[in-house]
Amino acid sequence: MKPEELIFLLADDDPDEHYLVHNAIQEVDQFAQIHSVFTGFQLFEFLFNKGMYEDQFTPMPHVIIADINMPILNGFDVIKTVKETPQLSDIIIYILTTSRREEDKVKALALGADGYYTKPNNFTDLRKIMTEIHAKIKG
């Protein structure tokens, strides 16, 4: 996939993570569109123009970057539902989480995540992750 303007949807319950990931993506691709939600439930409201998004145009993202540890619907629920929903199944999903548990990584990839990253402790490493993701998508 080589879209001209990538559309990202960030799903994480931590506003600081949104700020950091948003900035890292913008440093890698200044033309990227970046949208944010704070729960897995909000992610599906965004994707289907429901709830607080029903009167808004919400573009279909090319990429979802999701945390595993979110309230209501977690990252595993997001992967499973997106990959099992025909109109969403082509969306690329990367997990960006604090979990260092190998079983979480194995589960996420088995459910259909395209990649799994542990949240780094500094912005430089986060930017490297976003550069790697961007390179994989843009080919």
Protein backbone atom coordinates (compact mmCIF):
# COMPACT_ATOMS: atom_id res chain seq x y z
CA MET A 1 0.00 0.00 0.00
CA LYS A 2 1.43 3.37 -1.00
CA PRO A 3 -1.20 6.02 -0.33
CA GLU A 4 -0.14 9.61 -0.88
CA GLU A 5 -1.39 10.76 2.50
CA LEU A 6 -1.43 8.14 5.22
CA ILE A 7 -4.27 8.25 7.71
CA PHE A 8 -3.44 7.02 11.20
CA LEU A 9 -5.85 6.27 14.02
CA LEU A 10 -4.25 6.17 17.47
CA ALA A 11 -6.05 4.25 20.20
CA ASP A 12 -4.60 4.71 23.68
CA ASP A 13 -6.13 5.79 26.98
CA ASP A 14 -3.09 7.94 27.85
CA PRO A 15 -3.25 11.51 26.44
CA ASP A 16 0.52 11.88 26.84
CA GLU A 17 1.04 8.90 24.53
CA HIS A 18 -1.20 10.53 21.92
CA TYR A 19 0.94 13.67 22.08
CA LEU A 20 4.22 11.76 21.76
CA VAL A 21 3.10 9.38 19.02
CA HIS A 22 1.45 12.23 17.09
CA ASN A 23 4.69 14.21 17.18
CA ALA A 24 6.79 11.20 16.19
CA ILE A 25 4.54 10.47 13.20
CA GLN A 26 4.60 14.12 12.14
CA GLU A 27 8.41 14.13 12.24
CA VAL A 28 8.44 11.10 9.96
CA ASP A 29 5.60 12.19 7.65
CA GLN A 30 4.47 15.81 7.83
CA PHE A 31 1.53 15.08 5.53
CA ALA A 32 0.03 12.25 7.59
CA GLN A 33 -3.46 12.67 8.99
CA ILE A 34 -3.59 11.58 12.61
CA HIS A 35 -6.79 10.95 14.56
CA SER A 36 -7.04 9.89 18.19
CA VAL A 37 -9.42 7.86 20.33
CA PHE A 38 -9.05 6.83 23.96
CA THR A 39 -10.79 3.43 24.09
CA GLY A 40 -11.40 0.48 21.83
CA PHE A 41 -15.09 1.36 21.95
CA GLN A 42 -14.39 4.89 20.66
CA LEU A 43 -12.26 3.36 17.92
CA PHE A 44 -15.27 1.51 16.53
CA GLU A 45 -17.50 4.56 16.92
CA PHE A 46 -14.91 6.44 14.82
CA LEU A 47 -14.70 3.69 12.18
CA PHE A 48 -18.49 3.40 11.82
CA ASN A 49 -19.42 7.09 12.35
CA LYS A 50 -21.43 6.28 15.48
CA GLY A 51 -21.88 7.96 18.84
CA MET A 52 -19.90 11.17 19.13
CA TYR A 53 -18.73 10.76 15.51
CA GLU A 54 -22.10 10.27 13.84
CA ASP A 55 -22.35 13.85 12.55
CA GLN A 56 -18.72 14.02 11.47
CA PHE A 57 -16.81 12.77 8.48
CA THR A 58 -14.29 10.29 9.83
CA PRO A 59 -11.91 9.00 7.16
CA MET A 60 -11.10 5.31 7.06
CA PRO A 61 -7.56 4.96 8.40
CA HIS A 62 -4.82 3.08 6.61
CA VAL A 63 -3.17 2.30 9.95
CA ILE A 64 -4.35 1.77 13.52
CA ILE A 65 -1.78 2.08 16.30
CA ALA A 66 -3.34 0.67 19.45
CA ASP A 67 -2.38 -0.02 23.02
CA ILE A 68 -3.31 -3.37 24.52
CA ASN A 69 -4.31 -1.93 27.88
CA MET A 70 -7.39 0.18 27.18
CA PRO A 71 -10.72 0.29 29.00
CA ILE A 72 -13.96 -1.15 27.60
CA LEU A 73 -12.39 -2.90 24.58
CA ASN A 74 -8.68 -3.66 24.79
CA GLY A 75 -6.14 -3.95 22.00
CA PHE A 76 -6.78 -7.67 21.52
CA ASP A 77 -10.50 -6.95 21.06
CA VAL A 78 -9.61 -4.26 18.52
CA ILE A 79 -7.39 -6.58 16.46
CA LYS A 80 -9.89 -9.43 16.51
CA THR A 81 -12.89 -7.30 15.56
CA VAL A 82 -11.10 -5.31 12.85
CA LYS A 83 -9.67 -8.42 11.21
CA GLU A 84 -13.04 -10.24 11.36
CA THR A 85 -15.02 -7.33 9.88
CA PRO A 86 -14.87 -7.44 6.05
CA GLN A 87 -15.01 -3.67 5.50
CA LEU A 88 -12.18 -3.14 8.04
CA SER A 89 -9.98 -6.19 7.57
CA ASP A 90 -7.48 -4.44 5.26
CA ILE A 91 -6.56 -1.84 7.88
CA ILE A 92 -3.00 -2.29 9.08
CA ILE A 93 -2.75 -2.67 12.87
CA TYR A 94 0.32 -2.09 15.00
CA ILE A 95 0.34 -2.60 18.74
CA LEU A 96 2.32 -0.06 20.79
CA THR A 97 2.14 -1.02 24.44
CA THR A 98 3.96 -1.09 27.75
CA SER A 99 3.48 -4.86 27.94
CA ARG A 100 6.74 -6.76 27.61
CA ARG A 101 5.01 -10.12 28.02
CA GLU A 102 5.93 -12.49 25.21
CA GLU A 103 2.49 -14.11 25.39
CA ASP A 104 0.87 -10.72 24.65
CA LYS A 105 3.04 -10.31 21.56
CA VAL A 106 2.29 -13.86 20.38
CA LYS A 107 -1.45 -13.36 20.94
CA ALA A 108 -1.54 -9.99 19.14
CA LEU A 109 0.29 -11.35 16.11
CA ALA A 110 -1.85 -14.51 16.06
CA LEU A 111 -4.99 -12.36 16.05
CA GLY A 112 -3.70 -10.50 12.99
CA ALA A 113 -1.66 -7.52 14.19
CA ASP A 114 0.90 -6.46 11.61
CA GLY A 115 3.48 -5.65 14.26
CA TYR A 116 4.06 -5.34 17.99
CA TYR A 117 6.22 -2.72 19.69
CA THR A 118 6.95 -2.05 23.33
CA LYS A 119 6.67 1.64 24.20
CA PRO A 120 10.16 3.08 24.51
CA ASN A 121 11.37 5.31 27.32
CA ASN A 122 12.47 8.17 25.06
CA PHE A 123 11.25 10.12 22.06
CA THR A 124 14.21 9.19 19.84
CA ASP A 125 13.35 5.51 20.06
CA LEU A 126 9.64 6.24 19.51
CA ARG A 127 10.53 8.16 16.36
CA LYS A 128 12.59 5.15 15.20
CA ILE A 129 9.56 2.91 15.68
CA MET A 130 7.35 5.31 13.70
CA THR A 131 10.02 5.50 10.98
CA GLU A 132 10.05 1.69 10.78
CA ILE A 133 6.25 1.50 10.63
CA HIS A 134 6.12 4.22 7.99
CA ALA A 135 8.75 2.46 5.86
CA LYS A 136 6.84 -0.84 6.04
CA ILE A 137 3.62 0.84 4.92
CA LYS A 138 5.03 3.07 2.21
CA GLY A 139 7.26 0.26 0.93
